[in-house]
Amino acid sequence: MPRAKRGFKARRRRNRILKAAKGFRGGRSRMFRRALEAVHHAWMHMYTSRKGLKRVMRRLWIVRLNAAARLSGLSYSRLIEGIGKAGIALDRKVLSDLAIFDPAGFVKVVDAARGALAS
């Protein structure tokens, strides 16, 4: 029985992995088995890093909001509580951008939150 080398589909699969491993050091970019292992590890790290980035960005927005809120005389937790009571539907990302690029608008949001807390 003749030897089957698998042909086109296997070559396409191998080349796809080797292309993904391009730039890796040593045999990890040239040998299929080493490249497959390296690419699978890289994909796992990419997945966890995407999740981690969301956490890092949320922490950054909270730090910015706390700093901006304290300039207006409120703490972060009181600001978020007041925004919830006032029915303002802005998330932390938008509030952070508002605090940076439109401080006057952010002060209005803080005043609305302070008013909701008072009542």
PDB file of N, CA and C in Angstrom:
ATOM      1  N   MET A   1       0.864  -1.185   0.000  1.00  0.00           N
ATOM      2  CA  MET A   1       0.000   0.000   0.000  1.00  0.00           C
ATOM      3  C   MET A   1       0.901   1.236   0.000  1.00  0.00           C
ATOM      4  N   PRO A   2       0.617   2.192  -0.854  1.00  0.00           N
ATOM      5  CA  PRO A   2       1.477   3.371  -0.927  1.00  0.00           C
ATOM      6  C   PRO A   2       1.325   4.264   0.311  1.00  0.00           C
ATOM      7  N   ARG A   3       2.371   4.998   0.564  1.00  0.00           N
ATOM      8  CA  ARG A   3       2.383   5.905   1.726  1.00  0.00           C
ATOM      9  C   ARG A   3       1.561   7.150   1.411  1.00  0.00           C
ATOM     10  N   ALA A   4       0.686   7.526   2.339  1.00  0.00           N
ATOM     11  CA  ALA A   4      -0.129   8.727   2.151  1.00  0.00           C
ATOM     12  C   ALA A   4       0.506   9.879   2.923  1.00  0.00           C
ATOM     13  N   LYS A   5       0.750  10.989   2.234  1.00  0.00           N
ATOM     14  CA  LYS A   5       1.409  12.133   2.882  1.00  0.00           C
ATOM     15  C   LYS A   5       0.404  13.212   3.278  1.00  0.00           C
ATOM     16  N   ARG A   6      -0.858  12.931   3.091  1.00  0.00           N
ATOM     17  CA  ARG A   6      -1.967  13.804   3.472  1.00  0.00           C
ATOM     18  C   ARG A   6      -2.193  14.967   2.519  1.00  0.00           C
ATOM     19  N   GLY A   7      -1.156  15.519   1.937  1.00  0.00           N
ATOM     20  CA  GLY A   7      -1.347  16.471   0.858  1.00  0.00           C
ATOM     21  C   GLY A   7      -1.809  17.848   1.278  1.00  0.00           C
ATOM     22  N   PHE A   8      -2.698  18.408   0.494  1.00  0.00           N
ATOM     23  CA  PHE A   8      -3.036  19.831   0.533  1.00  0.00           C
ATOM     24  C   PHE A   8      -3.592  20.287   1.874  1.00  0.00           C
ATOM     25  N   LYS A   9      -4.564  19.574   2.406  1.00  0.00           N
ATOM     26  CA  LYS A   9      -5.228  20.051   3.629  1.00  0.00           C
ATOM     27  C   LYS A   9      -4.276  20.080   4.820  1.00  0.00           C
ATOM     28  N   ALA A  10      -3.432  19.046   4.938  1.00  0.00           N
ATOM     29  CA  ALA A  10      -2.473  19.021   6.042  1.00  0.00           C
ATOM     30  C   ALA A  10      -1.440  20.130   5.876  1.00  0.00           C
ATOM     31  N   ARG A  11      -1.003  20.345   4.634  1.00  0.00           N
ATOM     32  CA  ARG A  11      -0.028  21.413   4.386  1.00  0.00           C
ATOM     33  C   ARG A  11      -0.625  22.779   4.706  1.00  0.00           C
ATOM     34  N   ARG A  12      -1.880  22.946   4.331  1.00  0.00           N
ATOM     35  CA  ARG A  12      -2.552  24.214   4.626  1.00  0.00           C
ATOM     36  C   ARG A  12      -2.668  24.433   6.135  1.00  0.00           C
ATOM     37  N   ARG A  13      -2.982  23.371   6.883  1.00  0.00           N
ATOM     38  CA  ARG A  13      -3.076  23.476   8.339  1.00  0.00           C
ATOM     39  C   ARG A  13      -1.710  23.812   8.940  1.00  0.00           C
ATOM     40  N   ARG A  14      -0.676  23.114   8.489  1.00  0.00           N
ATOM     41  CA  ARG A  14       0.670  23.379   9.000  1.00  0.00           C
ATOM     42  C   ARG A  14       1.124  24.785   8.665  1.00  0.00           C
ATOM     43  N   ASN A  15       0.866  25.218   7.461  1.00  0.00           N
ATOM     44  CA  ASN A  15       1.308  26.561   7.062  1.00  0.00           C
ATOM     45  C   ASN A  15       0.568  27.647   7.845  1.00  0.00           C
ATOM     46  N   ARG A  16      -0.690  27.392   8.172  1.00  0.00           N
ATOM     47  CA  ARG A  16      -1.442  28.359   8.962  1.00  0.00           C
ATOM     48  C   ARG A  16      -0.824  28.507  10.363  1.00  0.00           C
ATOM     49  N   ILE A  17      -0.431  27.404  10.961  1.00  0.00           N
ATOM     50  CA  ILE A  17       0.208  27.453  12.279  1.00  0.00           C
ATOM     51  C   ILE A  17       1.573  28.118  12.190  1.00  0.00           C
ATOM     52  N   LEU A  18       2.360  27.754  11.170  1.00  0.00           N
ATOM     53  CA  LEU A  18       3.692  28.349  11.027  1.00  0.00           C
ATOM     54  C   LEU A  18       3.604  29.851  10.751  1.00  0.00           C
ATOM     55  N   LYS A  19       2.580  30.260  10.038  1.00  0.00           N
ATOM     56  CA  LYS A  19       2.400  31.698   9.799  1.00  0.00           C
ATOM     57  C   LYS A  19       2.072  32.407  11.106  1.00  0.00           C
ATOM     58  N   ALA A  20       1.268  31.769  11.950  1.00  0.00           N
ATOM     59  CA  ALA A  20       0.933  32.372  13.247  1.00  0.00           C
ATOM     60  C   ALA A  20       2.155  32.418  14.162  1.00  0.00           C
ATOM     61  N   ALA A  21       3.115  31.498  13.946  1.00  0.00           N
ATOM     62  CA  ALA A  21       4.308  31.442  14.789  1.00  0.00           C
ATOM     63  C   ALA A  21       5.439  32.311  14.230  1.00  0.00           C
ATOM     64  N   LYS A  22       5.174  33.041  13.186  1.00  0.00           N
ATOM     65  CA  LYS A  22       6.209  33.875  12.582  1.00  0.00           C
ATOM     66  C   LYS A  22       6.685  34.920  13.590  1.00  0.00           C
ATOM     67  N   GLY A  23       7.993  35.032  13.723  1.00  0.00           N
ATOM     68  CA  GLY A  23       8.556  35.975  14.674  1.00  0.00           C
ATOM     69  C   GLY A  23       8.915  35.344  16.002  1.00  0.00           C
ATOM     70  N   PHE A  24       8.472  34.097  16.243  1.00  0.00           N
ATOM     71  CA  PHE A  24       8.870  33.410  17.459  1.00  0.00           C
ATOM     72  C   PHE A  24      10.347  33.037  17.346  1.00  0.00           C
ATOM     73  N   ARG A  25      11.002  32.846  18.483  1.00  0.00           N
ATOM     74  CA  ARG A  25      12.444  32.584  18.481  1.00  0.00           C
ATOM     75  C   ARG A  25      12.746  31.125  18.186  1.00  0.00           C
ATOM     76  N   GLY A  26      13.835  30.915  17.441  1.00  0.00           N
ATOM     77  CA  GLY A  26      14.366  29.575  17.229  1.00  0.00           C
ATOM     78  C   GLY A  26      13.431  28.669  16.470  1.00  0.00           C
ATOM     79  N   GLY A  27      13.448  27.385  16.871  1.00  0.00           N
ATOM     80  CA  GLY A  27      12.655  26.383  16.186  1.00  0.00           C
ATOM     81  C   GLY A  27      11.169  26.573  16.379  1.00  0.00           C
ATOM     82  N   ARG A  28      10.778  27.421  17.314  1.00  0.00           N
ATOM     83  CA  ARG A  28       9.354  27.649  17.557  1.00  0.00           C
ATOM     84  C   ARG A  28       8.685  28.336  16.375  1.00  0.00           C
ATOM     85  N   SER A  29       9.470  28.865  15.456  1.00  0.00           N
ATOM     86  CA  SER A  29       8.876  29.470  14.262  1.00  0.00           C
ATOM     87  C   SER A  29       9.081  28.605  13.022  1.00  0.00           C
ATOM     88  N   ARG A  30       9.874  27.517  13.141  1.00  0.00           N
ATOM     89  CA  ARG A  30      10.202  26.728  11.954  1.00  0.00           C
ATOM     90  C   ARG A  30       9.736  25.274  12.030  1.00  0.00           C
ATOM     91  N   MET A  31       9.704  24.692  13.224  1.00  0.00           N
ATOM     92  CA  MET A  31       9.320  23.287  13.369  1.00  0.00           C
ATOM     93  C   MET A  31       7.852  23.220  13.751  1.00  0.00           C
ATOM     94  N   PHE A  32       7.107  22.395  13.030  1.00  0.00           N
ATOM     95  CA  PHE A  32       5.659  22.411  13.208  1.00  0.00           C
ATOM     96  C   PHE A  32       5.248  22.063  14.631  1.00  0.00           C
ATOM     97  N   ARG A  33       5.804  20.998  15.202  1.00  0.00           N
ATOM     98  CA  ARG A  33       5.369  20.589  16.546  1.00  0.00           C
ATOM     99  C   ARG A  33       5.678  21.668  17.575  1.00  0.00           C
ATOM    100  N   ARG A  34       6.878  22.215  17.505  1.00  0.00           N
ATOM    101  CA  ARG A  34       7.252  23.283  18.448  1.00  0.00           C
ATOM    102  C   ARG A  34       6.381  24.517  18.217  1.00  0.00           C
ATOM    103  N   ALA A  35       6.127  24.820  16.953  1.00  0.00           N
ATOM    104  CA  ALA A  35       5.310  25.991  16.623  1.00  0.00           C
ATOM    105  C   ALA A  35       3.873  25.799  17.103  1.00  0.00           C
ATOM    106  N   LEU A  36       3.335  24.587  16.957  1.00  0.00           N
ATOM    107  CA  LEU A  36       1.960  24.317  17.381  1.00  0.00           C
ATOM    108  C   LEU A  36       1.811  24.556  18.878  1.00  0.00           C
ATOM    109  N   GLU A  37       2.772  24.043  19.643  1.00  0.00           N
ATOM    110  CA  GLU A  37       2.723  24.231  21.089  1.00  0.00           C
ATOM    111  C   GLU A  37       2.842  25.714  21.451  1.00  0.00           C
ATOM    112  N   ALA A  38       3.761  26.412  20.797  1.00  0.00           N
ATOM    113  CA  ALA A  38       3.973  27.831  21.093  1.00  0.00           C
ATOM    114  C   ALA A  38       2.748  28.661  20.726  1.00  0.00           C
ATOM    115  N   VAL A  39       2.137  28.358  19.584  1.00  0.00           N
ATOM    116  CA  VAL A  39       0.961  29.119  19.132  1.00  0.00           C
ATOM    117  C   VAL A  39      -0.219  28.864  20.067  1.00  0.00           C
ATOM    118  N   HIS A  40      -0.395  27.628  20.511  1.00  0.00           N
ATOM    119  CA  HIS A  40      -1.506  27.345  21.430  1.00  0.00           C
ATOM    120  C   HIS A  40      -1.313  28.083  22.756  1.00  0.00           C
ATOM    121  N   HIS A  41      -0.081  28.119  23.256  1.00  0.00           N
ATOM    122  CA  HIS A  41       0.176  28.895  24.470  1.00  0.00           C
ATOM    123  C   HIS A  41      -0.080  30.374  24.226  1.00  0.00           C
ATOM    124  N   ALA A  42       0.350  30.873  23.079  1.00  0.00           N
ATOM    125  CA  ALA A  42       0.148  32.288  22.762  1.00  0.00           C
ATOM    126  C   ALA A  42      -1.336  32.621  22.696  1.00  0.00           C
ATOM    127  N   TRP A  43      -2.114  31.709  22.104  1.00  0.00           N
ATOM    128  CA  TRP A  43      -3.554  31.957  22.018  1.00  0.00           C
ATOM    129  C   TRP A  43      -4.195  31.976  23.397  1.00  0.00           C
ATOM    130  N   MET A  44      -3.736  31.107  24.303  1.00  0.00           N
ATOM    131  CA  MET A  44      -4.289  31.115  25.663  1.00  0.00           C
ATOM    132  C   MET A  44      -3.973  32.446  26.360  1.00  0.00           C
ATOM    133  N   HIS A  45      -2.741  32.906  26.187  1.00  0.00           N
ATOM    134  CA  HIS A  45      -2.365  34.175  26.813  1.00  0.00           C
ATOM    135  C   HIS A  45      -3.130  35.343  26.190  1.00  0.00           C
ATOM    136  N   MET A  46      -3.364  35.280  24.882  1.00  0.00           N
ATOM    137  CA  MET A  46      -4.137  36.344  24.236  1.00  0.00           C
ATOM    138  C   MET A  46      -5.555  36.414  24.807  1.00  0.00           C
ATOM    139  N   TYR A  47      -6.159  35.250  25.015  1.00  0.00           N
ATOM    140  CA  TYR A  47      -7.523  35.197  25.540  1.00  0.00           C
ATOM    141  C   TYR A  47      -7.576  35.818  26.936  1.00  0.00           C
ATOM    142  N   THR A  48      -6.670  35.393  27.812  1.00  0.00           N
ATOM    143  CA  THR A  48      -6.693  35.913  29.180  1.00  0.00           C
ATOM    144  C   THR A  48      -6.337  37.399  29.203  1.00  0.00           C
ATOM    145  N   SER A  49      -5.473  37.829  28.296  1.00  0.00           N
ATOM    146  CA  SER A  49      -5.102  39.239  28.264  1.00  0.00           C
ATOM    147  C   SER A  49      -6.260  40.118  27.816  1.00  0.00           C
ATOM    148  N   ARG A  50      -7.072  39.598  26.902  1.00  0.00           N
ATOM    149  CA  ARG A  50      -8.250  40.374  26.490  1.00  0.00           C
ATOM    150  C   ARG A  50      -9.201  40.568  27.667  1.00  0.00           C
ATOM    151  N   LYS A  51      -9.361  39.522  28.475  1.00  0.00           N
ATOM    152  CA  LYS A  51     -10.217  39.652  29.652  1.00  0.00           C
ATOM    153  C   LYS A  51      -9.586  40.597  30.672  1.00  0.00           C
ATOM    154  N   GLY A  52      -8.274  40.490  30.837  1.00  0.00           N
ATOM    155  CA  GLY A  52      -7.572  41.333  31.806  1.00  0.00           C
ATOM    156  C   GLY A  52      -7.606  42.795  31.432  1.00  0.00           C
ATOM    157  N   LEU A  53      -7.575  43.090  30.138  1.00  0.00           N
ATOM    158  CA  LEU A  53      -7.600  44.484  29.700  1.00  0.00           C
ATOM    159  C   LEU A  53      -8.885  45.171  30.138  1.00  0.00           C
ATOM    160  N   LYS A  54      -9.993  44.452  30.090  1.00  0.00           N
ATOM    161  CA  LYS A  54     -11.268  45.028  30.521  1.00  0.00           C
ATOM    162  C   LYS A  54     -11.207  45.403  32.001  1.00  0.00           C
ATOM    163  N   ARG A  55     -10.573  44.542  32.812  1.00  0.00           N
ATOM    164  CA  ARG A  55     -10.446  44.844  34.239  1.00  0.00           C
ATOM    165  C   ARG A  55      -9.550  46.053  34.470  1.00  0.00           C
ATOM    166  N   VAL A  56      -8.434  46.105  33.734  1.00  0.00           N
ATOM    167  CA  VAL A  56      -7.481  47.209  33.894  1.00  0.00           C
ATOM    168  C   VAL A  56      -8.132  48.534  33.509  1.00  0.00           C
ATOM    169  N   MET A  57      -8.874  48.536  32.404  1.00  0.00           N
ATOM    170  CA  MET A  57      -9.503  49.778  31.950  1.00  0.00           C
ATOM    171  C   MET A  57     -10.580  50.237  32.936  1.00  0.00           C
ATOM    172  N   ARG A  58     -11.352  49.317  33.476  1.00  0.00           N
ATOM    173  CA  ARG A  58     -12.375  49.705  34.458  1.00  0.00           C
ATOM    174  C   ARG A  58     -11.724  50.327  35.684  1.00  0.00           C
ATOM    175  N   ARG A  59     -10.602  49.754  36.156  1.00  0.00           N
ATOM    176  CA  ARG A  59      -9.889  50.330  37.307  1.00  0.00           C
ATOM    177  C   ARG A  59      -9.399  51.739  36.984  1.00  0.00           C
ATOM    178  N   LEU A  60      -8.911  51.943  35.762  1.00  0.00           N
ATOM    179  CA  LEU A  60      -8.439  53.260  35.357  1.00  0.00           C
ATOM    180  C   LEU A  60      -9.585  54.277  35.365  1.00  0.00           C
ATOM    181  N   TRP A  61     -10.745  53.880  34.814  1.00  0.00           N
ATOM    182  CA  TRP A  61     -11.896  54.791  34.807  1.00  0.00           C
ATOM    183  C   TRP A  61     -12.309  55.150  36.225  1.00  0.00           C
ATOM    184  N   ILE A  62     -12.283  54.183  37.131  1.00  0.00           N
ATOM    185  CA  ILE A  62     -12.690  54.438  38.509  1.00  0.00           C
ATOM    186  C   ILE A  62     -11.722  55.403  39.182  1.00  0.00           C
ATOM    187  N   VAL A  63     -10.424  55.224  38.944  1.00  0.00           N
ATOM    188  CA  VAL A  63      -9.435  56.131  39.526  1.00  0.00           C
ATOM    189  C   VAL A  63      -9.654  57.552  39.008  1.00  0.00           C
ATOM    190  N   ARG A  64      -9.894  57.681  37.711  1.00  0.00           N
ATOM    191  CA  ARG A  64     -10.126  59.010  37.129  1.00  0.00           C
ATOM    192  C   ARG A  64     -11.395  59.637  37.690  1.00  0.00           C
ATOM    193  N   LEU A  65     -12.449  58.835  37.803  1.00  0.00           N
ATOM    194  CA  LEU A  65     -13.706  59.361  38.337  1.00  0.00           C
ATOM    195  C   LEU A  65     -13.554  59.800  39.789  1.00  0.00           C
ATOM    196  N   ASN A  66     -12.820  59.033  40.568  1.00  0.00           N
ATOM    197  CA  ASN A  66     -12.616  59.389  41.966  1.00  0.00           C
ATOM    198  C   ASN A  66     -11.885  60.724  42.064  1.00  0.00           C
ATOM    199  N   ALA A  67     -10.845  60.895  41.248  1.00  0.00           N
ATOM    200  CA  ALA A  67     -10.083  62.149  41.276  1.00  0.00           C
ATOM    201  C   ALA A  67     -10.958  63.326  40.861  1.00  0.00           C
ATOM    202  N   ALA A  68     -11.725  63.146  39.788  1.00  0.00           N
ATOM    203  CA  ALA A  68     -12.572  64.240  39.303  1.00  0.00           C
ATOM    204  C   ALA A  68     -13.698  64.543  40.286  1.00  0.00           C
ATOM    205  N   ALA A  69     -14.260  63.504  40.894  1.00  0.00           N
ATOM    206  CA  ALA A  69     -15.360  63.712  41.837  1.00  0.00           C
ATOM    207  C   ALA A  69     -14.871  64.433  43.084  1.00  0.00           C
ATOM    208  N   ARG A  70     -13.677  64.103  43.550  1.00  0.00           N
ATOM    209  CA  ARG A  70     -13.143  64.754  44.752  1.00  0.00           C
ATOM    210  C   ARG A  70     -12.855  66.232  44.507  1.00  0.00           C
ATOM    211  N   LEU A  71     -12.545  66.596  43.263  1.00  0.00           N
ATOM    212  CA  LEU A  71     -12.387  68.020  42.951  1.00  0.00           C
ATOM    213  C   LEU A  71     -13.707  68.759  43.112  1.00  0.00           C
ATOM    214  N   SER A  72     -14.812  68.030  42.931  1.00  0.00           N
ATOM    215  CA  SER A  72     -16.137  68.627  43.088  1.00  0.00           C
ATOM    216  C   SER A  72     -16.725  68.386  44.473  1.00  0.00           C
ATOM    217  N   GLY A  73     -15.964  67.768  45.353  1.00  0.00           N
ATOM    218  CA  GLY A  73     -16.418  67.617  46.732  1.00  0.00           C
ATOM    219  C   GLY A  73     -17.200  66.360  47.030  1.00  0.00           C
ATOM    220  N   LEU A  74     -17.113  65.341  46.176  1.00  0.00           N
ATOM    221  CA  LEU A  74     -17.776  64.056  46.419  1.00  0.00           C
ATOM    222  C   LEU A  74     -16.746  62.942  46.309  1.00  0.00           C
ATOM    223  N   SER A  75     -16.992  61.839  46.998  1.00  0.00           N
ATOM    224  CA  SER A  75     -16.146  60.668  46.794  1.00  0.00           C
ATOM    225  C   SER A  75     -16.720  59.851  45.638  1.00  0.00           C
ATOM    226  N   TYR A  76     -15.943  58.903  45.156  1.00  0.00           N
ATOM    227  CA  TYR A  76     -16.382  58.081  44.037  1.00  0.00           C
ATOM    228  C   TYR A  76     -17.653  57.304  44.384  1.00  0.00           C
ATOM    229  N   SER A  77     -17.660  56.688  45.568  1.00  0.00           N
ATOM    230  CA  SER A  77     -18.808  55.852  45.921  1.00  0.00           C
ATOM    231  C   SER A  77     -20.087  56.683  46.052  1.00  0.00           C
ATOM    232  N   ARG A  78     -19.969  57.865  46.617  1.00  0.00           N
ATOM    233  CA  ARG A  78     -21.139  58.754  46.732  1.00  0.00           C
ATOM    234  C   ARG A  78     -21.595  59.226  45.350  1.00  0.00           C
ATOM    235  N   LEU A  79     -20.624  59.482  44.458  1.00  0.00           N
ATOM    236  CA  LEU A  79     -20.961  59.893  43.093  1.00  0.00           C
ATOM    237  C   LEU A  79     -21.761  58.801  42.392  1.00  0.00           C
ATOM    238  N   ILE A  80     -21.286  57.571  42.464  1.00  0.00           N
ATOM    239  CA  ILE A  80     -21.980  56.468  41.789  1.00  0.00           C
ATOM    240  C   ILE A  80     -23.363  56.241  42.400  1.00  0.00           C
ATOM    241  N   GLU A  81     -23.458  56.351  43.731  1.00  0.00           N
ATOM    242  CA  GLU A  81     -24.761  56.213  44.383  1.00  0.00           C
ATOM    243  C   GLU A  81     -25.716  57.313  43.925  1.00  0.00           C
ATOM    244  N   GLY A  82     -25.220  58.544  43.870  1.00  0.00           N
ATOM    245  CA  GLY A  82     -26.057  59.657  43.444  1.00  0.00           C
ATOM    246  C   GLY A  82     -26.476  59.555  41.998  1.00  0.00           C
ATOM    247  N   ILE A  83     -25.569  59.096  41.147  1.00  0.00           N
ATOM    248  CA  ILE A  83     -25.909  58.925  39.726  1.00  0.00           C
ATOM    249  C   ILE A  83     -26.995  57.871  39.571  1.00  0.00           C
ATOM    250  N   GLY A  84     -26.905  56.820  40.367  1.00  0.00           N
ATOM    251  CA  GLY A  84     -27.945  55.788  40.321  1.00  0.00           C
ATOM    252  C   GLY A  84     -29.289  56.312  40.773  1.00  0.00           C
ATOM    253  N   LYS A  85     -29.290  57.086  41.856  1.00  0.00           N
ATOM    254  CA  LYS A  85     -30.553  57.640  42.364  1.00  0.00           C
ATOM    255  C   LYS A  85     -31.133  58.686  41.422  1.00  0.00           C
ATOM    256  N   ALA A  86     -30.256  59.430  40.729  1.00  0.00           N
ATOM    257  CA  ALA A  86     -30.731  60.462  39.799  1.00  0.00           C
ATOM    258  C   ALA A  86     -31.234  59.870  38.494  1.00  0.00           C
ATOM    259  N   GLY A  87     -30.960  58.594  38.266  1.00  0.00           N
ATOM    260  CA  GLY A  87     -31.421  57.948  37.038  1.00  0.00           C
ATOM    261  C   GLY A  87     -30.576  58.297  35.829  1.00  0.00           C
ATOM    262  N   ILE A  88     -29.326  58.672  36.054  1.00  0.00           N
ATOM    263  CA  ILE A  88     -28.425  58.998  34.953  1.00  0.00           C
ATOM    264  C   ILE A  88     -27.816  57.698  34.451  1.00  0.00           C
ATOM    265  N   ALA A  89     -28.026  57.398  33.175  1.00  0.00           N
ATOM    266  CA  ALA A  89     -27.592  56.108  32.622  1.00  0.00           C
ATOM    267  C   ALA A  89     -26.279  56.255  31.851  1.00  0.00           C
ATOM    268  N   LEU A  90     -25.241  56.702  32.543  1.00  0.00           N
ATOM    269  CA  LEU A  90     -23.917  56.798  31.927  1.00  0.00           C
ATOM    270  C   LEU A  90     -22.991  55.811  32.626  1.00  0.00           C
ATOM    271  N   ASP A  91     -22.233  55.056  31.836  1.00  0.00           N
ATOM    272  CA  ASP A  91     -21.312  54.101  32.457  1.00  0.00           C
ATOM    273  C   ASP A  91     -20.001  54.791  32.830  1.00  0.00           C
ATOM    274  N   ARG A  92     -19.117  54.042  33.455  1.00  0.00           N
ATOM    275  CA  ARG A  92     -17.878  54.618  33.988  1.00  0.00           C
ATOM    276  C   ARG A  92     -16.961  55.117  32.885  1.00  0.00           C
ATOM    277  N   LYS A  93     -16.981  54.440  31.743  1.00  0.00           N
ATOM    278  CA  LYS A  93     -16.136  54.866  30.622  1.00  0.00           C
ATOM    279  C   LYS A  93     -16.569  56.241  30.114  1.00  0.00           C
ATOM    280  N   VAL A  94     -17.851  56.417  29.920  1.00  0.00           N
ATOM    281  CA  VAL A  94     -18.366  57.688  29.417  1.00  0.00           C
ATOM    282  C   VAL A  94     -18.172  58.791  30.459  1.00  0.00           C
ATOM    283  N   LEU A  95     -18.413  58.471  31.717  1.00  0.00           N
ATOM    284  CA  LEU A  95     -18.209  59.462  32.777  1.00  0.00           C
ATOM    285  C   LEU A  95     -16.750  59.888  32.861  1.00  0.00           C
ATOM    286  N   SER A  96     -15.835  58.936  32.687  1.00  0.00           N
ATOM    287  CA  SER A  96     -14.418  59.256  32.728  1.00  0.00           C
ATOM    288  C   SER A  96     -14.030  60.175  31.572  1.00  0.00           C
ATOM    289  N   ASP A  97     -14.522  59.866  30.369  1.00  0.00           N
ATOM    290  CA  ASP A  97     -14.255  60.737  29.221  1.00  0.00           C
ATOM    291  C   ASP A  97     -14.865  62.111  29.433  1.00  0.00           C
ATOM    292  N   LEU A  98     -16.040  62.147  30.019  1.00  0.00           N
ATOM    293  CA  LEU A  98     -16.695  63.418  30.300  1.00  0.00           C
ATOM    294  C   LEU A  98     -15.868  64.245  31.279  1.00  0.00           C
ATOM    295  N   ALA A  99     -15.327  63.604  32.295  1.00  0.00           N
ATOM    296  CA  ALA A  99     -14.516  64.310  33.286  1.00  0.00           C
ATOM    297  C   ALA A  99     -13.247  64.875  32.660  1.00  0.00           C
ATOM    298  N   ILE A 100     -12.687  64.172  31.669  1.00  0.00           N
ATOM    299  CA  ILE A 100     -11.445  64.626  31.045  1.00  0.00           C
ATOM    300  C   ILE A 100     -11.705  65.703  30.005  1.00  0.00           C
ATOM    301  N   PHE A 101     -12.644  65.458  29.096  1.00  0.00           N
ATOM    302  CA  PHE A 101     -12.809  66.315  27.931  1.00  0.00           C
ATOM    303  C   PHE A 101     -13.877  67.391  28.076  1.00  0.00           C
ATOM    304  N   ASP A 102     -14.768  67.238  29.053  1.00  0.00           N
ATOM    305  CA  ASP A 102     -15.814  68.246  29.274  1.00  0.00           C
ATOM    306  C   ASP A 102     -16.039  68.414  30.776  1.00  0.00           C
ATOM    307  N   PRO A 103     -15.093  69.068  31.467  1.00  0.00           N
ATOM    308  CA  PRO A 103     -15.218  69.196  32.928  1.00  0.00           C
ATOM    309  C   PRO A 103     -16.491  69.925  33.358  1.00  0.00           C
ATOM    310  N   ALA A 104     -16.930  70.904  32.574  1.00  0.00           N
ATOM    311  CA  ALA A 104     -18.149  71.631  32.937  1.00  0.00           C
ATOM    312  C   ALA A 104     -19.362  70.696  32.907  1.00  0.00           C
ATOM    313  N   GLY A 105     -19.434  69.848  31.900  1.00  0.00           N
ATOM    314  CA  GLY A 105     -20.523  68.877  31.821  1.00  0.00           C
ATOM    315  C   GLY A 105     -20.463  67.871  32.959  1.00  0.00           C
ATOM    316  N   PHE A 106     -19.242  67.481  33.343  1.00  0.00           N
ATOM    317  CA  PHE A 106     -19.086  66.541  34.451  1.00  0.00           C
ATOM    318  C   PHE A 106     -19.552  67.173  35.763  1.00  0.00           C
ATOM    319  N   VAL A 107     -19.273  68.468  35.925  1.00  0.00           N
ATOM    320  CA  VAL A 107     -19.721  69.160  37.148  1.00  0.00           C
ATOM    321  C   VAL A 107     -21.247  69.160  37.216  1.00  0.00           C
ATOM    322  N   LYS A 108     -21.909  69.301  36.063  1.00  0.00           N
ATOM    323  CA  LYS A 108     -23.377  69.254  36.048  1.00  0.00           C
ATOM    324  C   LYS A 108     -23.883  67.869  36.468  1.00  0.00           C
ATOM    325  N   VAL A 109     -23.194  66.829  36.005  1.00  0.00           N
ATOM    326  CA  VAL A 109     -23.576  65.468  36.399  1.00  0.00           C
ATOM    327  C   VAL A 109     -23.373  65.292  37.900  1.00  0.00           C
ATOM    328  N   VAL A 110     -22.251  65.810  38.422  1.00  0.00           N
ATOM    329  CA  VAL A 110     -21.979  65.711  39.857  1.00  0.00           C
ATOM    330  C   VAL A 110     -23.045  66.464  40.653  1.00  0.00           C
ATOM    331  N   ASP A 111     -23.436  67.647  40.166  1.00  0.00           N
ATOM    332  CA  ASP A 111     -24.478  68.413  40.857  1.00  0.00           C
ATOM    333  C   ASP A 111     -25.810  67.660  40.868  1.00  0.00           C
ATOM    334  N   ALA A 112     -26.138  67.008  39.740  1.00  0.00           N
ATOM    335  CA  ALA A 112     -27.368  66.224  39.686  1.00  0.00           C
ATOM    336  C   ALA A 112     -27.296  65.045  40.674  1.00  0.00           C
ATOM    337  N   ALA A 113     -26.129  64.439  40.756  1.00  0.00           N
ATOM    338  CA  ALA A 113     -25.954  63.329  41.704  1.00  0.00           C
ATOM    339  C   ALA A 113     -26.058  63.821  43.140  1.00  0.00           C
ATOM    340  N   ARG A 114     -25.463  64.974  43.424  1.00  0.00           N
ATOM    341  CA  ARG A 114     -25.521  65.552  44.777  1.00  0.00           C
ATOM    342  C   ARG A 114     -26.964  65.880  45.137  1.00  0.00           C
ATOM    343  N   GLY A 115     -27.714  66.417  44.175  1.00  0.00           N
ATOM    344  CA  GLY A 115     -29.123  66.727  44.419  1.00  0.00           C
ATOM    345  C   GLY A 115     -29.943  65.482  44.697  1.00  0.00           C
ATOM    346  N   ALA A 116     -29.652  64.400  43.984  1.00  0.00           N
ATOM    347  CA  ALA A 116     -30.379  63.141  44.203  1.00  0.00           C
ATOM    348  C   ALA A 116     -30.049  62.556  45.581  1.00  0.00           C
ATOM    349  N   LEU A 117     -28.803  62.755  46.015  1.00  0.00           N
ATOM    350  CA  LEU A 117     -28.414  62.265  47.338  1.00  0.00           C
ATOM    351  C   LEU A 117     -29.098  63.055  48.454  1.00  0.00           C
ATOM    352  N   ALA A 118     -29.282  64.354  48.221  1.00  0.00           N
ATOM    353  CA  ALA A 118     -29.877  65.210  49.244  1.00  0.00           C
ATOM    354  C   ALA A 118     -31.363  64.912  49.453  1.00  0.00           C
ATOM    355  N   SER A 119     -32.037  64.536  48.355  1.00  0.00           N
ATOM    356  CA  SER A 119     -33.488  64.305  48.476  1.00  0.00           C
ATOM    357  C   SER A 119     -33.826  62.907  48.878  1.00  0.00           C
TER     358      SER A 119
END
